[in-house]
Amino acid sequence: MEYKIFKPDYLLSITGGDTETMAEIAGIFGSQVPEFMTGMKSLLEQGKFYELGLLAHKAKGSVTVLGMDETAKMLKEFELLAKTGEGKEKYQEFIARFEADSKTVMAEVNDYLSKNR
């Protein structure tokens, strides 16, 4: 499988290549995604854009661990726009991309771990 989003280098460096620790970190990320999604959708619906920007910032930190560089860049843009309330027409697209990228990366991480245990 070719990995489109997951880049294992950073995860390998912080875990020393220990696949159990890698799996634990990936599991934590996987459990955070539904919370991020629920929060983002709720904050968008409520018009709480600054808080939405803060949540995008928090999500950005989580995706970095899995080497999701492009997703991290997108979340940074989302964060900055939301904190100022600009570009509101893009917020739904940012949330959808984060959700799609998160699903993809989990499949890629699981594939990687299954091949490297």
PDB file of N, CA and C in Angstrom:
ATOM      1  N   MET A   1       0.851  -1.185   0.000  1.00  0.00           N
ATOM      2  CA  MET A   1       0.000   0.000   0.000  1.00  0.00           C
ATOM      3  C   MET A   1       0.892   1.242   0.000  1.00  0.00           C
ATOM      4  N   GLU A   2       0.591   2.152  -0.888  1.00  0.00           N
ATOM      5  CA  GLU A   2       1.304   3.433  -0.915  1.00  0.00           C
ATOM      6  C   GLU A   2       0.572   4.390   0.028  1.00  0.00           C
ATOM      7  N   TYR A   3       1.343   5.018   0.893  1.00  0.00           N
ATOM      8  CA  TYR A   3       0.743   5.908   1.875  1.00  0.00           C
ATOM      9  C   TYR A   3       0.660   7.323   1.316  1.00  0.00           C
ATOM     10  N   LYS A   4      -0.573   7.831   1.240  1.00  0.00           N
ATOM     11  CA  LYS A   4      -0.797   9.158   0.690  1.00  0.00           C
ATOM     12  C   LYS A   4      -0.708  10.232   1.768  1.00  0.00           C
ATOM     13  N   ILE A   5      -1.039   9.869   3.000  1.00  0.00           N
ATOM     14  CA  ILE A   5      -1.079  10.860   4.075  1.00  0.00           C
ATOM     15  C   ILE A   5      -0.099  10.515   5.184  1.00  0.00           C
ATOM     16  N   PHE A   6      -0.075   9.267   5.606  1.00  0.00           N
ATOM     17  CA  PHE A   6       0.780   8.834   6.711  1.00  0.00           C
ATOM     18  C   PHE A   6       2.245   8.830   6.292  1.00  0.00           C
ATOM     19  N   LYS A   7       3.041   9.519   7.093  1.00  0.00           N
ATOM     20  CA  LYS A   7       4.492   9.504   6.911  1.00  0.00           C
ATOM     21  C   LYS A   7       5.069   9.024   8.239  1.00  0.00           C
ATOM     22  N   PRO A   8       5.578   7.793   8.268  1.00  0.00           N
ATOM     23  CA  PRO A   8       5.977   7.185   9.540  1.00  0.00           C
ATOM     24  C   PRO A   8       7.239   7.748  10.192  1.00  0.00           C
ATOM     25  N   ASP A   9       8.005   8.568   9.502  1.00  0.00           N
ATOM     26  CA  ASP A   9       9.303   9.008  10.024  1.00  0.00           C
ATOM     27  C   ASP A   9       9.233   9.623  11.418  1.00  0.00           C
ATOM     28  N   TYR A  10       8.331  10.569  11.627  1.00  0.00           N
ATOM     29  CA  TYR A  10       8.259  11.232  12.929  1.00  0.00           C
ATOM     30  C   TYR A  10       7.816  10.247  14.011  1.00  0.00           C
ATOM     31  N   LEU A  11       6.812   9.457  13.704  1.00  0.00           N
ATOM     32  CA  LEU A  11       6.317   8.477  14.659  1.00  0.00           C
ATOM     33  C   LEU A  11       7.414   7.466  15.007  1.00  0.00           C
ATOM     34  N   LEU A  12       8.168   7.062  14.021  1.00  0.00           N
ATOM     35  CA  LEU A  12       9.301   6.157  14.263  1.00  0.00           C
ATOM     36  C   LEU A  12      10.327   6.810  15.171  1.00  0.00           C
ATOM     37  N   SER A  13      10.593   8.093  14.939  1.00  0.00           N
ATOM     38  CA  SER A  13      11.621   8.780  15.727  1.00  0.00           C
ATOM     39  C   SER A  13      11.210   8.944  17.195  1.00  0.00           C
ATOM     40  N   ILE A  14       9.945   9.215  17.458  1.00  0.00           N
ATOM     41  CA  ILE A  14       9.537   9.427  18.849  1.00  0.00           C
ATOM     42  C   ILE A  14       9.268   8.124  19.593  1.00  0.00           C
ATOM     43  N   THR A  15       9.091   7.024  18.856  1.00  0.00           N
ATOM     44  CA  THR A  15       8.819   5.739  19.509  1.00  0.00           C
ATOM     45  C   THR A  15      10.020   4.805  19.472  1.00  0.00           C
ATOM     46  N   GLY A  16      11.066   5.210  18.769  1.00  0.00           N
ATOM     47  CA  GLY A  16      12.213   4.323  18.618  1.00  0.00           C
ATOM     48  C   GLY A  16      11.867   3.094  17.804  1.00  0.00           C
ATOM     49  N   GLY A  17      10.810   3.190  17.018  1.00  0.00           N
ATOM     50  CA  GLY A  17      10.401   2.066  16.173  1.00  0.00           C
ATOM     51  C   GLY A  17       9.573   1.019  16.901  1.00  0.00           C
ATOM     52  N   ASP A  18       9.210   1.279  18.157  1.00  0.00           N
ATOM     53  CA  ASP A  18       8.413   0.327  18.926  1.00  0.00           C
ATOM     54  C   ASP A  18       6.980   0.327  18.407  1.00  0.00           C
ATOM     55  N   THR A  19       6.579  -0.766  17.786  1.00  0.00           N
ATOM     56  CA  THR A  19       5.258  -0.809  17.152  1.00  0.00           C
ATOM     57  C   THR A  19       4.111  -0.764  18.158  1.00  0.00           C
ATOM     58  N   GLU A  20       4.332  -1.276  19.373  1.00  0.00           N
ATOM     59  CA  GLU A  20       3.263  -1.193  20.377  1.00  0.00           C
ATOM     60  C   GLU A  20       2.982   0.263  20.757  1.00  0.00           C
ATOM     61  N   THR A  21       4.050   1.023  20.922  1.00  0.00           N
ATOM     62  CA  THR A  21       3.883   2.442  21.246  1.00  0.00           C
ATOM     63  C   THR A  21       3.268   3.179  20.063  1.00  0.00           C
ATOM     64  N   MET A  22       3.689   2.820  18.855  1.00  0.00           N
ATOM     65  CA  MET A  22       3.118   3.429  17.659  1.00  0.00           C
ATOM     66  C   MET A  22       1.615   3.149  17.596  1.00  0.00           C
ATOM     67  N   ALA A  23       1.249   1.911  17.879  1.00  0.00           N
ATOM     68  CA  ALA A  23      -0.165   1.531  17.845  1.00  0.00           C
ATOM     69  C   ALA A  23      -0.952   2.288  18.915  1.00  0.00           C
ATOM     70  N   GLU A  24      -0.340   2.480  20.076  1.00  0.00           N
ATOM     71  CA  GLU A  24      -1.002   3.219  21.153  1.00  0.00           C
ATOM     72  C   GLU A  24      -1.236   4.671  20.747  1.00  0.00           C
ATOM     73  N   ILE A  25      -0.229   5.293  20.162  1.00  0.00           N
ATOM     74  CA  ILE A  25      -0.358   6.683  19.716  1.00  0.00           C
ATOM     75  C   ILE A  25      -1.419   6.799  18.626  1.00  0.00           C
ATOM     76  N   ALA A  26      -1.400   5.863  17.684  1.00  0.00           N
ATOM     77  CA  ALA A  26      -2.407   5.872  16.616  1.00  0.00           C
ATOM     78  C   ALA A  26      -3.803   5.675  17.205  1.00  0.00           C
ATOM     79  N   GLY A  27      -3.911   4.823  18.221  1.00  0.00           N
ATOM     80  CA  GLY A  27      -5.199   4.603  18.872  1.00  0.00           C
ATOM     81  C   GLY A  27      -5.715   5.847  19.564  1.00  0.00           C
ATOM     82  N   ILE A  28      -4.810   6.570  20.200  1.00  0.00           N
ATOM     83  CA  ILE A  28      -5.195   7.832  20.854  1.00  0.00           C
ATOM     84  C   ILE A  28      -5.718   8.810  19.803  1.00  0.00           C
ATOM     85  N   PHE A  29      -4.983   8.927  18.694  1.00  0.00           N
ATOM     86  CA  PHE A  29      -5.438   9.812  17.621  1.00  0.00           C
ATOM     87  C   PHE A  29      -6.816   9.373  17.132  1.00  0.00           C
ATOM     88  N   GLY A  30      -6.964   8.071  16.887  1.00  0.00           N
ATOM     89  CA  GLY A  30      -8.241   7.542  16.400  1.00  0.00           C
ATOM     90  C   GLY A  30      -9.397   7.835  17.345  1.00  0.00           C
ATOM     91  N   SER A  31      -9.128   7.828  18.645  1.00  0.00           N
ATOM     92  CA  SER A  31     -10.189   8.121  19.611  1.00  0.00           C
ATOM     93  C   SER A  31     -10.475   9.617  19.708  1.00  0.00           C
ATOM     94  N   GLN A  32      -9.489  10.447  19.352  1.00  0.00           N
ATOM     95  CA  GLN A  32      -9.683  11.897  19.406  1.00  0.00           C
ATOM     96  C   GLN A  32     -10.492  12.416  18.212  1.00  0.00           C
ATOM     97  N   VAL A  33     -10.383  11.753  17.085  1.00  0.00           N
ATOM     98  CA  VAL A  33     -11.021  12.256  15.860  1.00  0.00           C
ATOM     99  C   VAL A  33     -12.524  12.464  16.030  1.00  0.00           C
ATOM    100  N   PRO A  34     -13.272  11.486  16.560  1.00  0.00           N
ATOM    101  CA  PRO A  34     -14.710  11.748  16.721  1.00  0.00           C
ATOM    102  C   PRO A  34     -14.991  12.956  17.625  1.00  0.00           C
ATOM    103  N   GLU A  35     -14.165  13.135  18.660  1.00  0.00           N
ATOM    104  CA  GLU A  35     -14.331  14.298  19.535  1.00  0.00           C
ATOM    105  C   GLU A  35     -14.066  15.595  18.774  1.00  0.00           C
ATOM    106  N   PHE A  36     -12.994  15.601  17.977  1.00  0.00           N
ATOM    107  CA  PHE A  36     -12.693  16.777  17.165  1.00  0.00           C
ATOM    108  C   PHE A  36     -13.839  17.064  16.201  1.00  0.00           C
ATOM    109  N   MET A  37     -14.347  16.017  15.551  1.00  0.00           N
ATOM    110  CA  MET A  37     -15.399  16.210  14.558  1.00  0.00           C
ATOM    111  C   MET A  37     -16.672  16.753  15.204  1.00  0.00           C
ATOM    112  N   THR A  38     -17.070  16.159  16.310  1.00  0.00           N
ATOM    113  CA  THR A  38     -18.262  16.622  17.012  1.00  0.00           C
ATOM    114  C   THR A  38     -18.084  18.077  17.439  1.00  0.00           C
ATOM    115  N   GLY A  39     -16.924  18.378  17.995  1.00  0.00           N
ATOM    116  CA  GLY A  39     -16.650  19.741  18.441  1.00  0.00           C
ATOM    117  C   GLY A  39     -16.647  20.736  17.308  1.00  0.00           C
ATOM    118  N   MET A  40     -15.981  20.400  16.219  1.00  0.00           N
ATOM    119  CA  MET A  40     -15.901  21.324  15.082  1.00  0.00           C
ATOM    120  C   MET A  40     -17.276  21.604  14.498  1.00  0.00           C
ATOM    121  N   LYS A  41     -18.041  20.546  14.311  1.00  0.00           N
ATOM    122  CA  LYS A  41     -19.375  20.722  13.725  1.00  0.00           C
ATOM    123  C   LYS A  41     -20.276  21.547  14.646  1.00  0.00           C
ATOM    124  N   SER A  42     -20.184  21.279  15.932  1.00  0.00           N
ATOM    125  CA  SER A  42     -21.000  22.008  16.905  1.00  0.00           C
ATOM    126  C   SER A  42     -20.606  23.486  16.972  1.00  0.00           C
ATOM    127  N   LEU A  43     -19.312  23.754  17.037  1.00  0.00           N
ATOM    128  CA  LEU A  43     -18.843  25.141  17.100  1.00  0.00           C
ATOM    129  C   LEU A  43     -19.198  25.907  15.829  1.00  0.00           C
ATOM    130  N   LEU A  44     -19.093  25.240  14.681  1.00  0.00           N
ATOM    131  CA  LEU A  44     -19.465  25.886  13.419  1.00  0.00           C
ATOM    132  C   LEU A  44     -20.949  26.241  13.440  1.00  0.00           C
ATOM    133  N   GLU A  45     -21.762  25.285  13.852  1.00  0.00           N
ATOM    134  CA  GLU A  45     -23.208  25.498  13.902  1.00  0.00           C
ATOM    135  C   GLU A  45     -23.582  26.646  14.853  1.00  0.00           C
ATOM    136  N   GLN A  46     -22.844  26.757  15.949  1.00  0.00           N
ATOM    137  CA  GLN A  46     -23.116  27.796  16.945  1.00  0.00           C
ATOM    138  C   GLN A  46     -22.494  29.151  16.582  1.00  0.00           C
ATOM    139  N   GLY A  47     -21.669  29.156  15.521  1.00  0.00           N
ATOM    140  CA  GLY A  47     -21.018  30.398  15.123  1.00  0.00           C
ATOM    141  C   GLY A  47     -19.898  30.815  16.065  1.00  0.00           C
ATOM    142  N   LYS A  48     -19.363  29.874  16.794  1.00  0.00           N
ATOM    143  CA  LYS A  48     -18.255  30.153  17.717  1.00  0.00           C
ATOM    144  C   LYS A  48     -16.937  29.947  16.975  1.00  0.00           C
ATOM    145  N   PHE A  49     -16.614  30.909  16.147  1.00  0.00           N
ATOM    146  CA  PHE A  49     -15.491  30.755  15.234  1.00  0.00           C
ATOM    147  C   PHE A  49     -14.135  30.790  15.924  1.00  0.00           C
ATOM    148  N   TYR A  50     -13.970  31.657  16.904  1.00  0.00           N
ATOM    149  CA  TYR A  50     -12.683  31.711  17.596  1.00  0.00           C
ATOM    150  C   TYR A  50     -12.395  30.368  18.270  1.00  0.00           C
ATOM    151  N   GLU A  51     -13.396  29.806  18.941  1.00  0.00           N
ATOM    152  CA  GLU A  51     -13.238  28.504  19.588  1.00  0.00           C
ATOM    153  C   GLU A  51     -12.977  27.407  18.556  1.00  0.00           C
ATOM    154  N   LEU A  52     -13.589  27.548  17.396  1.00  0.00           N
ATOM    155  CA  LEU A  52     -13.354  26.608  16.299  1.00  0.00           C
ATOM    156  C   LEU A  52     -11.893  26.670  15.873  1.00  0.00           C
ATOM    157  N   GLY A  53     -11.338  27.869  15.820  1.00  0.00           N
ATOM    158  CA  GLY A  53      -9.921  28.034  15.504  1.00  0.00           C
ATOM    159  C   GLY A  53      -9.028  27.384  16.542  1.00  0.00           C
ATOM    160  N   LEU A  54      -9.405  27.501  17.801  1.00  0.00           N
ATOM    161  CA  LEU A  54      -8.634  26.858  18.870  1.00  0.00           C
ATOM    162  C   LEU A  54      -8.668  25.336  18.734  1.00  0.00           C
ATOM    163  N   LEU A  55      -9.821  24.803  18.369  1.00  0.00           N
ATOM    164  CA  LEU A  55      -9.942  23.356  18.193  1.00  0.00           C
ATOM    165  C   LEU A  55      -9.149  22.888  16.966  1.00  0.00           C
ATOM    166  N   ALA A  56      -9.138  23.682  15.909  1.00  0.00           N
ATOM    167  CA  ALA A  56      -8.323  23.351  14.740  1.00  0.00           C
ATOM    168  C   ALA A  56      -6.844  23.315  15.125  1.00  0.00           C
ATOM    169  N   HIS A  57      -6.441  24.237  15.994  1.00  0.00           N
ATOM    170  CA  HIS A  57      -5.056  24.267  16.482  1.00  0.00           C
ATOM    171  C   HIS A  57      -4.738  22.983  17.245  1.00  0.00           C
ATOM    172  N   LYS A  58      -5.634  22.567  18.090  1.00  0.00           N
ATOM    173  CA  LYS A  58      -5.437  21.336  18.869  1.00  0.00           C
ATOM    174  C   LYS A  58      -5.353  20.120  17.940  1.00  0.00           C
ATOM    175  N   ALA A  59      -6.216  20.069  16.945  1.00  0.00           N
ATOM    176  CA  ALA A  59      -6.206  18.968  15.984  1.00  0.00           C
ATOM    177  C   ALA A  59      -4.903  18.956  15.195  1.00  0.00           C
ATOM    178  N   LYS A  60      -4.401  20.131  14.888  1.00  0.00           N
ATOM    179  CA  LYS A  60      -3.139  20.245  14.138  1.00  0.00           C
ATOM    180  C   LYS A  60      -2.008  19.555  14.881  1.00  0.00           C
ATOM    181  N   GLY A  61      -1.953  19.729  16.180  1.00  0.00           N
ATOM    182  CA  GLY A  61      -0.928  19.068  16.978  1.00  0.00           C
ATOM    183  C   GLY A  61      -1.033  17.556  16.899  1.00  0.00           C
ATOM    184  N   SER A  62      -2.239  17.047  16.872  1.00  0.00           N
ATOM    185  CA  SER A  62      -2.444  15.600  16.808  1.00  0.00           C
ATOM    186  C   SER A  62      -2.043  15.010  15.459  1.00  0.00           C
ATOM    187  N   VAL A  63      -2.354  15.704  14.377  1.00  0.00           N
ATOM    188  CA  VAL A  63      -2.041  15.147  13.059  1.00  0.00           C
ATOM    189  C   VAL A  63      -0.549  15.159  12.770  1.00  0.00           C
ATOM    190  N   THR A  64       0.164  16.067  13.396  1.00  0.00           N
ATOM    191  CA  THR A  64       1.607  16.184  13.180  1.00  0.00           C
ATOM    192  C   THR A  64       2.328  14.903  13.569  1.00  0.00           C
ATOM    193  N   VAL A  65       1.876  14.257  14.637  1.00  0.00           N
ATOM    194  CA  VAL A  65       2.507  13.030  15.126  1.00  0.00           C
ATOM    195  C   VAL A  65       2.469  11.933  14.067  1.00  0.00           C
ATOM    196  N   LEU A  66       1.435  11.928  13.240  1.00  0.00           N
ATOM    197  CA  LEU A  66       1.310  10.894  12.213  1.00  0.00           C
ATOM    198  C   LEU A  66       1.874  11.341  10.866  1.00  0.00           C
ATOM    199  N   GLY A  67       2.588  12.449  10.865  1.00  0.00           N
ATOM    200  CA  GLY A  67       3.233  12.903   9.635  1.00  0.00           C
ATOM    201  C   GLY A  67       2.265  13.446   8.605  1.00  0.00           C
ATOM    202  N   MET A  68       1.119  13.905   9.056  1.00  0.00           N
ATOM    203  CA  MET A  68       0.094  14.415   8.144  1.00  0.00           C
ATOM    204  C   MET A  68       0.386  15.879   7.822  1.00  0.00           C
ATOM    205  N   ASP A  69       1.484  16.109   7.112  1.00  0.00           N
ATOM    206  CA  ASP A  69       1.976  17.458   6.875  1.00  0.00           C
ATOM    207  C   ASP A  69       0.977  18.358   6.148  1.00  0.00           C
ATOM    208  N   GLU A  70       0.371  17.847   5.102  1.00  0.00           N
ATOM    209  CA  GLU A  70      -0.576  18.671   4.331  1.00  0.00           C
ATOM    210  C   GLU A  70      -1.832  18.959   5.135  1.00  0.00           C
ATOM    211  N   THR A  71      -2.264  17.989   5.911  1.00  0.00           N
ATOM    212  CA  THR A  71      -3.430  18.191   6.774  1.00  0.00           C
ATOM    213  C   THR A  71      -3.098  19.234   7.833  1.00  0.00           C
ATOM    214  N   ALA A  72      -1.888  19.173   8.374  1.00  0.00           N
ATOM    215  CA  ALA A  72      -1.456  20.153   9.379  1.00  0.00           C
ATOM    216  C   ALA A  72      -1.448  21.564   8.792  1.00  0.00           C
ATOM    217  N   LYS A  73      -0.968  21.706   7.560  1.00  0.00           N
ATOM    218  CA  LYS A  73      -0.966  23.025   6.905  1.00  0.00           C
ATOM    219  C   LYS A  73      -2.391  23.537   6.712  1.00  0.00           C
ATOM    220  N   MET A  74      -3.275  22.637   6.302  1.00  0.00           N
ATOM    221  CA  MET A  74      -4.666  23.013   6.099  1.00  0.00           C
ATOM    222  C   MET A  74      -5.291  23.441   7.424  1.00  0.00           C
ATOM    223  N   LEU A  75      -5.017  22.691   8.500  1.00  0.00           N
ATOM    224  CA  LEU A  75      -5.565  23.036   9.804  1.00  0.00           C
ATOM    225  C   LEU A  75      -5.018  24.364  10.314  1.00  0.00           C
ATOM    226  N   LYS A  76      -3.772  24.673   9.990  1.00  0.00           N
ATOM    227  CA  LYS A  76      -3.193  25.965  10.370  1.00  0.00           C
ATOM    228  C   LYS A  76      -3.959  27.100   9.680  1.00  0.00           C
ATOM    229  N   GLU A  77      -4.230  26.918   8.393  1.00  0.00           N
ATOM    230  CA  GLU A  77      -5.007  27.919   7.655  1.00  0.00           C
ATOM    231  C   GLU A  77      -6.409  28.052   8.266  1.00  0.00           C
ATOM    232  N   PHE A  78      -7.022  26.923   8.552  1.00  0.00           N
ATOM    233  CA  PHE A  78      -8.347  26.903   9.167  1.00  0.00           C
ATOM    234  C   PHE A  78      -8.322  27.636  10.500  1.00  0.00           C
ATOM    235  N   GLU A  79      -7.319  27.325  11.309  1.00  0.00           N
ATOM    236  CA  GLU A  79      -7.170  27.969  12.617  1.00  0.00           C
ATOM    237  C   GLU A  79      -7.121  29.492  12.496  1.00  0.00           C
ATOM    238  N   LEU A  80      -6.246  29.963  11.622  1.00  0.00           N
ATOM    239  CA  LEU A  80      -6.056  31.414  11.483  1.00  0.00           C
ATOM    240  C   LEU A  80      -7.306  32.103  10.962  1.00  0.00           C
ATOM    241  N   LEU A  81      -7.962  31.486   9.975  1.00  0.00           N
ATOM    242  CA  LEU A  81      -9.189  32.077   9.441  1.00  0.00           C
ATOM    243  C   LEU A  81     -10.301  32.084  10.477  1.00  0.00           C
ATOM    244  N   ALA A  82     -10.473  30.950  11.165  1.00  0.00           N
ATOM    245  CA  ALA A  82     -11.574  30.845  12.125  1.00  0.00           C
ATOM    246  C   ALA A  82     -11.390  31.803  13.301  1.00  0.00           C
ATOM    247  N   LYS A  83     -10.157  31.951  13.765  1.00  0.00           N
ATOM    248  CA  LYS A  83      -9.925  32.845  14.901  1.00  0.00           C
ATOM    249  C   LYS A  83     -10.309  34.287  14.582  1.00  0.00           C
ATOM    250  N   THR A  84     -10.228  34.651  13.308  1.00  0.00           N
ATOM    251  CA  THR A  84     -10.598  36.010  12.912  1.00  0.00           C
ATOM    252  C   THR A  84     -12.006  36.070  12.313  1.00  0.00           C
ATOM    253  N   GLY A  85     -12.626  34.907  12.123  1.00  0.00           N
ATOM    254  CA  GLY A  85     -13.963  34.861  11.542  1.00  0.00           C
ATOM    255  C   GLY A  85     -13.979  35.106  10.049  1.00  0.00           C
ATOM    256  N   GLU A  86     -12.819  34.985   9.405  1.00  0.00           N
ATOM    257  CA  GLU A  86     -12.733  35.203   7.953  1.00  0.00           C
ATOM    258  C   GLU A  86     -12.906  33.881   7.208  1.00  0.00           C
ATOM    259  N   GLY A  87     -13.275  33.971   5.944  1.00  0.00           N
ATOM    260  CA  GLY A  87     -13.351  32.801   5.070  1.00  0.00           C
ATOM    261  C   GLY A  87     -14.345  31.754   5.526  1.00  0.00           C
ATOM    262  N   LYS A  88     -15.437  32.161   6.118  1.00  0.00           N
ATOM    263  CA  LYS A  88     -16.417  31.230   6.681  1.00  0.00           C
ATOM    264  C   LYS A  88     -16.929  30.214   5.669  1.00  0.00           C
ATOM    265  N   GLU A  89     -16.940  30.605   4.410  1.00  0.00           N
ATOM    266  CA  GLU A  89     -17.431  29.693   3.373  1.00  0.00           C
ATOM    267  C   GLU A  89     -16.533  28.464   3.213  1.00  0.00           C
ATOM    268  N   LYS A  90     -15.319  28.509   3.747  1.00  0.00           N
ATOM    269  CA  LYS A  90     -14.377  27.390   3.632  1.00  0.00           C
ATOM    270  C   LYS A  90     -14.430  26.432   4.823  1.00  0.00           C
ATOM    271  N   TYR A  91     -15.061  26.822   5.919  1.00  0.00           N
ATOM    272  CA  TYR A  91     -14.983  26.047   7.158  1.00  0.00           C
ATOM    273  C   TYR A  91     -15.507  24.624   6.989  1.00  0.00           C
ATOM    274  N   GLN A  92     -16.655  24.488   6.334  1.00  0.00           N
ATOM    275  CA  GLN A  92     -17.238  23.151   6.136  1.00  0.00           C
ATOM    276  C   GLN A  92     -16.280  22.259   5.337  1.00  0.00           C
ATOM    277  N   GLU A  93     -15.656  22.838   4.329  1.00  0.00           N
ATOM    278  CA  GLU A  93     -14.686  22.103   3.497  1.00  0.00           C
ATOM    279  C   GLU A  93     -13.473  21.666   4.340  1.00  0.00           C
ATOM    280  N   PHE A  94     -12.988  22.545   5.205  1.00  0.00           N
ATOM    281  CA  PHE A  94     -11.865  22.196   6.076  1.00  0.00           C
ATOM    282  C   PHE A  94     -12.224  21.023   6.979  1.00  0.00           C
ATOM    283  N   ILE A  95     -13.418  21.078   7.557  1.00  0.00           N
ATOM    284  CA  ILE A  95     -13.860  20.018   8.463  1.00  0.00           C
ATOM    285  C   ILE A  95     -13.991  18.698   7.703  1.00  0.00           C
ATOM    286  N   ALA A  96     -14.579  18.740   6.526  1.00  0.00           N
ATOM    287  CA  ALA A  96     -14.743  17.524   5.719  1.00  0.00           C
ATOM    288  C   ALA A  96     -13.387  16.931   5.335  1.00  0.00           C
ATOM    289  N   ARG A  97     -12.442  17.787   4.992  1.00  0.00           N
ATOM    290  CA  ARG A  97     -11.116  17.284   4.624  1.00  0.00           C
ATOM    291  C   ARG A  97     -10.417  16.662   5.828  1.00  0.00           C
ATOM    292  N   PHE A  98     -10.524  17.307   6.982  1.00  0.00           N
ATOM    293  CA  PHE A  98      -9.921  16.740   8.184  1.00  0.00           C
ATOM    294  C   PHE A  98     -10.511  15.359   8.465  1.00  0.00           C
ATOM    295  N   GLU A  99     -11.809  15.229   8.328  1.00  0.00           N
ATOM    296  CA  GLU A  99     -12.462  13.945   8.574  1.00  0.00           C
ATOM    297  C   GLU A  99     -11.988  12.888   7.574  1.00  0.00           C
ATOM    298  N   ALA A 100     -11.940  13.241   6.304  1.00  0.00           N
ATOM    299  CA  ALA A 100     -11.504  12.293   5.270  1.00  0.00           C
ATOM    300  C   ALA A 100     -10.038  11.905   5.460  1.00  0.00           C
ATOM    301  N   ASP A 101      -9.187  12.892   5.717  1.00  0.00           N
ATOM    302  CA  ASP A 101      -7.761  12.616   5.918  1.00  0.00           C
ATOM    303  C   ASP A 101      -7.549  11.726   7.139  1.00  0.00           C
ATOM    304  N   SER A 102      -8.335  11.944   8.173  1.00  0.00           N
ATOM    305  CA  SER A 102      -8.202  11.147   9.393  1.00  0.00           C
ATOM    306  C   SER A 102      -8.575   9.690   9.144  1.00  0.00           C
ATOM    307  N   LYS A 103      -9.625   9.465   8.374  1.00  0.00           N
ATOM    308  CA  LYS A 103     -10.013   8.088   8.028  1.00  0.00           C
ATOM    309  C   LYS A 103      -8.923   7.425   7.198  1.00  0.00           C
ATOM    310  N   THR A 104      -8.402   8.160   6.233  1.00  0.00           N
ATOM    311  CA  THR A 104      -7.354   7.618   5.371  1.00  0.00           C
ATOM    312  C   THR A 104      -6.112   7.284   6.172  1.00  0.00           C
ATOM    313  N   VAL A 105      -5.683   8.190   7.040  1.00  0.00           N
ATOM    314  CA  VAL A 105      -4.449   7.961   7.789  1.00  0.00           C
ATOM    315  C   VAL A 105      -4.597   6.771   8.729  1.00  0.00           C
ATOM    316  N   MET A 106      -5.768   6.576   9.311  1.00  0.00           N
ATOM    317  CA  MET A 106      -5.946   5.430  10.197  1.00  0.00           C
ATOM    318  C   MET A 106      -5.816   4.118   9.420  1.00  0.00           C
ATOM    319  N   ALA A 107      -6.359   4.072   8.222  1.00  0.00           N
ATOM    320  CA  ALA A 107      -6.211   2.870   7.389  1.00  0.00           C
ATOM    321  C   ALA A 107      -4.748   2.648   7.037  1.00  0.00           C
ATOM    322  N   GLU A 108      -4.053   3.737   6.712  1.00  0.00           N
ATOM    323  CA  GLU A 108      -2.638   3.631   6.354  1.00  0.00           C
ATOM    324  C   GLU A 108      -1.788   3.206   7.551  1.00  0.00           C
ATOM    325  N   VAL A 109      -2.042   3.771   8.711  1.00  0.00           N
ATOM    326  CA  VAL A 109      -1.289   3.406   9.917  1.00  0.00           C
ATOM    327  C   VAL A 109      -1.533   1.943  10.262  1.00  0.00           C
ATOM    328  N   ASN A 110      -2.779   1.527  10.195  1.00  0.00           N
ATOM    329  CA  ASN A 110      -3.091   0.128  10.498  1.00  0.00           C
ATOM    330  C   ASN A 110      -2.402  -0.816   9.524  1.00  0.00           C
ATOM    331  N   ASP A 111      -2.350  -0.439   8.258  1.00  0.00           N
ATOM    332  CA  ASP A 111      -1.640  -1.236   7.266  1.00  0.00           C
ATOM    333  C   ASP A 111      -0.153  -1.296   7.605  1.00  0.00           C
ATOM    334  N   TYR A 112       0.426  -0.150   7.907  1.00  0.00           N
ATOM    335  CA  TYR A 112       1.851  -0.075   8.255  1.00  0.00           C
ATOM    336  C   TYR A 112       2.159  -0.953   9.464  1.00  0.00           C
ATOM    337  N   LEU A 113       1.351  -0.833  10.490  1.00  0.00           N
ATOM    338  CA  LEU A 113       1.598  -1.612  11.712  1.00  0.00           C
ATOM    339  C   LEU A 113       1.436  -3.113  11.470  1.00  0.00           C
ATOM    340  N   SER A 114       0.475  -3.494  10.658  1.00  0.00           N
ATOM    341  CA  SER A 114       0.267  -4.917  10.381  1.00  0.00           C
ATOM    342  C   SER A 114       1.458  -5.520   9.638  1.00  0.00           C
ATOM    343  N   LYS A 115       2.158  -4.696   8.877  1.00  0.00           N
ATOM    344  CA  LYS A 115       3.323  -5.172   8.112  1.00  0.00           C
ATOM    345  C   LYS A 115       4.623  -5.090   8.897  1.00  0.00           C
ATOM    346  N   ASN A 116       4.624  -4.372  10.015  1.00  0.00           N
ATOM    347  CA  ASN A 116       5.870  -4.133  10.736  1.00  0.00           C
ATOM    348  C   ASN A 116       5.845  -4.611  12.184  1.00  0.00           C
ATOM    349  N   ARG A 117       4.980  -5.528  12.507  1.00  0.00           N
ATOM    350  CA  ARG A 117       4.948  -6.065  13.884  1.00  0.00           C
ATOM    351  C   ARG A 117       5.830  -7.257  14.009  1.00  0.00           C
TER     352      ARG A 117
END
